[in-house]
Amino acid sequence: MRLVLLIGIRLYWFFIPKSKRKCCIFQVSCSQYVYKTTSSKGFCQGIKALIFRYQNCRYGYEIFENAITNKIQLILPNKEIIDENEISTRVVNQYKKELLTIVNHYEKQ
């Protein structure tokens, strides 16, 4: 079963170009994460990783800057909080750009 899941992920990588894939909110893409988990920990852990990522790599997350740690964090739809080093660079940069736009707007007033 483990081999079936690994082959399925490899087929996904082969047939779906990166430009057509959904952009992941995690630093390590969902397919890479599930592939690595399945390879190292087996089929059951791979399926759990797949379900976790499928349920949480979607809209419904909230990104914010933690006032205590001054680090950017993300609240997943399941209410788990992840740190900046686990968040996609694309998502972090987008948040910083939006924050800068807001700050610039208020400075002009």
Protein backbone atom coordinates (compact mmCIF):
# COMPACT_ATOMS: atom_id res chain seq x y z
CA MET A 1 0.00 0.00 0.00
CA ARG A 2 2.87 2.33 0.81
CA LEU A 3 4.22 1.84 -2.69
CA VAL A 4 0.83 2.69 -4.23
CA LEU A 5 0.72 6.02 -2.38
CA LEU A 6 4.31 6.86 -3.36
CA ILE A 7 3.66 6.00 -7.02
CA GLY A 8 0.47 8.08 -6.93
CA ILE A 9 2.41 11.11 -5.73
CA ARG A 10 5.11 10.58 -8.36
CA LEU A 11 2.44 10.35 -11.07
CA TYR A 12 0.94 13.59 -9.75
CA TRP A 13 4.35 15.26 -10.04
CA PHE A 14 4.85 13.86 -13.54
CA PHE A 15 1.46 14.65 -15.06
CA ILE A 16 0.51 17.90 -13.29
CA PRO A 17 2.95 20.73 -14.08
CA LYS A 18 3.93 23.02 -11.21
CA SER A 19 2.13 25.91 -12.89
CA LYS A 20 -1.19 24.00 -12.65
CA ARG A 21 -0.81 22.84 -9.03
CA LYS A 22 -2.52 24.58 -6.15
CA CYS A 23 -0.11 26.84 -4.27
CA CYS A 24 0.66 25.41 -0.86
CA ILE A 25 0.64 27.53 2.31
CA PHE A 26 3.34 25.38 3.88
CA GLN A 27 7.10 25.76 3.31
CA VAL A 28 7.36 22.10 2.29
CA SER A 29 4.65 21.41 -0.29
CA CYS A 30 1.88 19.03 0.63
CA SER A 31 2.90 16.37 -1.89
CA GLN A 32 6.56 16.54 -0.79
CA TYR A 33 5.55 16.32 2.87
CA VAL A 34 3.27 13.32 2.30
CA TYR A 35 5.90 11.63 0.12
CA LYS A 36 8.63 12.06 2.74
CA THR A 37 6.34 10.96 5.57
CA THR A 38 5.18 7.88 3.67
CA SER A 39 8.75 6.96 2.68
CA SER A 40 10.11 7.22 6.20
CA LYS A 41 7.16 6.25 8.42
CA GLY A 42 4.96 4.05 6.27
CA PHE A 43 1.52 4.00 4.70
CA CYS A 44 -0.61 4.76 7.79
CA GLN A 45 1.42 7.83 8.74
CA GLY A 46 1.44 8.91 5.09
CA ILE A 47 -2.36 8.75 4.93
CA LYS A 48 -2.62 10.73 8.19
CA ALA A 49 -0.24 13.34 6.74
CA LEU A 50 -2.30 13.48 3.54
CA ILE A 51 -5.55 13.99 5.45
CA PHE A 52 -3.98 16.65 7.70
CA ARG A 53 -2.57 18.59 4.77
CA TYR A 54 -5.75 18.25 2.70
CA GLN A 55 -7.86 19.63 5.53
CA ASN A 56 -5.51 22.48 6.42
CA CYS A 57 -3.87 23.63 3.18
CA ARG A 58 -6.95 25.55 2.16
CA TYR A 59 -8.58 28.88 2.56
CA GLY A 60 -9.65 29.68 6.08
CA TYR A 61 -6.25 30.22 7.60
CA GLU A 62 -5.34 33.47 9.36
CA ILE A 63 -1.89 35.02 9.30
CA PHE A 64 -0.72 37.49 11.92
CA GLU A 65 2.33 38.91 13.62
CA ASN A 66 2.62 37.67 17.20
CA ALA A 67 3.07 40.74 19.41
CA ILE A 68 4.96 38.75 22.05
CA THR A 69 7.51 37.02 19.80
CA ASN A 70 7.43 39.52 16.89
CA LYS A 71 7.23 36.57 14.50
CA ILE A 72 4.71 35.90 11.79
CA GLN A 73 2.45 32.95 12.56
CA LEU A 74 -0.44 31.23 10.85
CA ILE A 75 -3.58 29.74 12.37
CA LEU A 76 -4.74 26.74 10.34
CA PRO A 77 -8.42 25.91 9.85
CA ASN A 78 -8.08 23.28 12.63
CA LYS A 79 -6.86 26.11 14.96
CA GLU A 80 -3.26 24.81 15.10
CA ILE A 81 -0.66 27.60 15.04
CA ILE A 82 2.47 27.26 12.91
CA ASP A 83 5.55 29.46 12.90
CA GLU A 84 7.05 31.48 10.07
CA ASN A 85 9.68 28.84 9.25
CA GLU A 86 6.87 26.40 8.34
CA ILE A 87 4.87 28.90 6.26
CA SER A 88 5.40 29.28 2.52
CA THR A 89 7.65 32.19 1.59
CA ARG A 90 4.98 33.28 -0.89
CA VAL A 91 2.37 33.61 1.89
CA VAL A 92 4.77 35.45 4.24
CA ASN A 93 5.84 37.89 1.51
CA GLN A 94 2.23 38.55 0.54
CA TYR A 95 1.37 39.29 4.19
CA LYS A 96 4.34 41.65 4.56
CA LYS A 97 3.39 43.45 1.34
CA GLU A 98 -0.19 43.94 2.50
CA LEU A 99 1.00 45.13 5.91
CA LEU A 100 3.38 47.62 4.29
CA THR A 101 0.54 48.94 2.10
CA ILE A 102 -1.62 49.51 5.18
CA VAL A 103 1.20 51.27 7.05
CA ASN A 104 1.95 53.50 4.05
CA HIS A 105 -1.74 54.38 3.74
CA TYR A 106 -1.92 55.54 7.36
CA GLU A 107 1.36 57.47 7.13
CA LYS A 108 -0.02 59.49 4.19
CA GLN A 109 -3.05 60.64 6.19
